[in-house]
N, C-alpha and C. Protein backbone atom coordinates (compact mmCIF):
# COMPACT_ATOMS: atom_id res chain seq x y z
N MET A 1 101.11 62.58 104.51
CA MET A 1 99.93 62.07 103.60
C MET A 1 100.18 60.62 103.55
N LYS A 2 99.18 59.65 103.64
CA LYS A 2 99.39 58.28 103.81
C LYS A 2 98.62 57.71 102.44
N ALA A 3 99.05 56.40 102.24
CA ALA A 3 98.55 55.91 101.03
C ALA A 3 98.35 54.29 101.25
N PHE A 4 97.18 53.54 100.55
CA PHE A 4 96.90 52.21 100.95
C PHE A 4 96.47 51.78 99.37
N ARG A 5 96.93 50.52 99.13
CA ARG A 5 96.67 49.83 97.91
C ARG A 5 95.67 48.57 98.32
N CYS A 6 94.40 48.62 97.97
CA CYS A 6 93.58 47.58 98.18
C CYS A 6 93.96 46.09 97.87
N GLY A 7 94.75 46.03 96.66
CA GLY A 7 95.23 44.90 96.36
C GLY A 7 96.40 44.18 97.02
N ASP A 8 96.84 45.04 97.98
CA ASP A 8 97.76 44.51 99.09
C ASP A 8 97.19 43.43 100.08
N VAL A 9 95.62 43.50 100.04
CA VAL A 9 94.79 42.99 101.03
C VAL A 9 93.85 41.99 100.11
N VAL A 10 93.25 42.63 99.21
CA VAL A 10 92.58 41.78 98.37
C VAL A 10 93.01 41.62 97.04
N PRO A 11 93.60 40.54 96.75
CA PRO A 11 94.26 40.19 95.54
C PRO A 11 93.33 40.70 94.24
N GLY A 12 93.95 41.29 93.32
CA GLY A 12 92.96 41.54 92.13
C GLY A 12 92.42 43.11 92.30
N CYS A 13 92.42 43.37 93.30
CA CYS A 13 91.52 44.81 93.38
C CYS A 13 92.91 45.79 93.16
N ASN A 14 92.50 46.92 92.30
CA ASN A 14 93.45 47.72 91.74
C ASN A 14 93.04 49.25 92.40
N ARG A 15 92.22 49.33 93.41
CA ARG A 15 91.90 50.72 93.88
C ARG A 15 93.03 51.23 95.08
N GLU A 16 93.30 52.51 94.87
CA GLU A 16 94.54 53.16 95.60
C GLU A 16 93.88 54.15 96.52
N PHE A 17 94.12 54.35 97.58
CA PHE A 17 93.63 55.62 98.40
C PHE A 17 94.63 56.36 98.73
N LEU A 18 94.58 57.74 98.98
CA LEU A 18 95.29 58.57 99.57
C LEU A 18 94.51 59.45 100.80
N GLY A 19 95.30 59.58 101.72
CA GLY A 19 94.44 60.57 102.83
C GLY A 19 95.59 61.18 103.71
N VAL A 20 94.99 62.17 104.48
CA VAL A 20 95.82 62.79 105.30
C VAL A 20 96.41 62.10 106.46
N ASP A 21 95.53 61.03 106.95
CA ASP A 21 96.12 60.41 108.18
C ASP A 21 95.37 58.89 107.83
N ARG A 22 95.72 58.14 109.19
CA ARG A 22 95.30 56.78 109.16
C ARG A 22 93.63 56.77 109.21
N ALA A 23 92.91 57.71 109.97
CA ALA A 23 91.57 57.85 109.96
C ALA A 23 90.87 58.08 108.50
N ASP A 24 91.45 58.82 107.77
CA ASP A 24 90.93 59.24 106.40
C ASP A 24 91.05 58.21 105.76
N ILE A 25 92.17 57.28 105.68
CA ILE A 25 92.45 56.19 104.83
C ILE A 25 91.23 55.08 105.43
N LEU A 26 91.12 54.77 106.62
CA LEU A 26 90.10 53.76 107.23
C LEU A 26 88.70 54.20 106.53
N ALA A 27 88.54 55.48 106.81
CA ALA A 27 87.02 55.83 106.23
C ALA A 27 86.81 55.33 104.89
N GLN A 28 87.89 56.01 104.05
CA GLN A 28 87.74 55.57 102.60
C GLN A 28 87.68 54.10 102.28
N VAL A 29 88.37 53.34 103.11
CA VAL A 29 88.72 51.90 102.68
C VAL A 29 87.12 51.19 103.21
N ALA A 30 86.81 51.67 104.37
CA ALA A 30 85.57 51.22 104.82
C ALA A 30 84.34 51.27 103.81
N ALA A 31 84.07 52.44 103.12
CA ALA A 31 83.05 52.63 102.22
C ALA A 31 83.23 51.67 101.11
N HIS A 32 84.59 51.45 100.58
CA HIS A 32 85.02 50.99 99.48
C HIS A 32 84.52 49.20 99.74
N ALA A 33 85.12 48.91 100.96
CA ALA A 33 84.90 47.42 101.21
C ALA A 33 83.32 46.97 101.19
N ARG A 34 82.46 48.02 101.81
CA ARG A 34 81.22 47.80 101.82
C ARG A 34 80.42 47.83 100.25
N GLU A 35 80.96 48.94 99.64
CA GLU A 35 80.27 49.03 98.27
C GLU A 35 80.75 48.19 97.20
N ASP A 36 81.97 48.08 97.17
CA ASP A 36 82.72 47.16 96.06
C ASP A 36 82.91 45.74 96.32
N HIS A 37 83.23 45.56 97.69
CA HIS A 37 83.54 43.94 98.12
C HIS A 37 82.19 43.26 98.97
N HIS A 38 81.37 44.12 99.33
CA HIS A 38 80.28 43.63 100.01
C HIS A 38 80.57 43.15 101.32
N VAL A 39 81.41 43.56 102.16
CA VAL A 39 81.91 43.33 103.40
C VAL A 39 82.00 44.21 104.34
N ASP A 40 81.50 43.75 105.69
CA ASP A 40 81.65 44.84 106.61
C ASP A 40 83.09 44.85 107.15
N VAL A 41 83.48 46.02 107.93
CA VAL A 41 84.83 46.24 108.38
C VAL A 41 84.85 45.77 109.90
N ASP A 42 85.72 44.84 109.98
CA ASP A 42 86.12 44.41 111.26
C ASP A 42 87.52 44.44 111.68
N ASP A 43 87.76 44.04 113.06
CA ASP A 43 88.98 44.21 113.61
C ASP A 43 90.19 43.78 112.59
N ALA A 44 89.83 42.43 111.96
CA ALA A 44 90.92 41.92 111.08
C ALA A 44 91.08 42.90 109.88
N LEU A 45 90.05 43.42 109.26
CA LEU A 45 90.22 44.14 108.09
C LEU A 45 91.08 45.49 108.71
N VAL A 46 90.72 45.94 109.75
CA VAL A 46 91.35 47.08 110.02
C VAL A 46 93.00 46.93 110.21
N ARG A 47 93.13 45.84 111.11
CA ARG A 47 94.63 45.53 111.30
C ARG A 47 95.34 45.36 109.85
N ALA A 48 94.66 44.74 108.85
CA ALA A 48 95.16 44.36 107.51
C ALA A 48 95.58 45.65 106.98
N VAL A 49 94.57 46.61 106.96
CA VAL A 49 94.84 47.81 106.33
C VAL A 49 96.08 48.71 107.09
N GLU A 50 95.80 48.87 108.10
CA GLU A 50 97.10 49.39 109.08
C GLU A 50 98.34 48.82 108.87
N ALA A 51 98.47 47.54 108.48
CA ALA A 51 99.77 46.83 108.47
C ALA A 51 100.29 47.13 106.81
N ASN A 52 99.40 47.78 106.18
CA ASN A 52 99.74 47.98 104.70
C ASN A 52 99.76 49.51 104.32
N LEU A 53 99.55 50.49 105.32
CA LEU A 53 99.71 51.77 105.14
C LEU A 53 101.07 52.11 104.88
N HIS A 54 101.12 53.04 103.98
CA HIS A 54 102.65 53.70 103.87
C HIS A 54 102.52 55.11 103.71
N ASP A 55 103.74 55.76 103.77
CA ASP A 55 103.66 57.06 103.60
C ASP A 55 103.82 57.37 102.17
N GLU A 56 102.93 58.43 101.55
CA GLU A 56 103.19 58.92 100.01
C GLU A 56 104.06 60.02 99.95
N VAL A 57 105.08 59.71 99.13
CA VAL A 57 106.29 60.82 98.98
C VAL A 57 106.14 61.37 97.69
């Protein structure tokens, strides 16, 4: 299981995501980025998310 906290990339955002793998997290984060932050996902965002992914224990 993987986890990601949006606030690790976007200060002040408290959304957290859990997923079975990297692709699952990226799909959830992409939807959140578009809907809540009004940004498109680009390579820089993907790299930032991947750098802050961690295993959920």
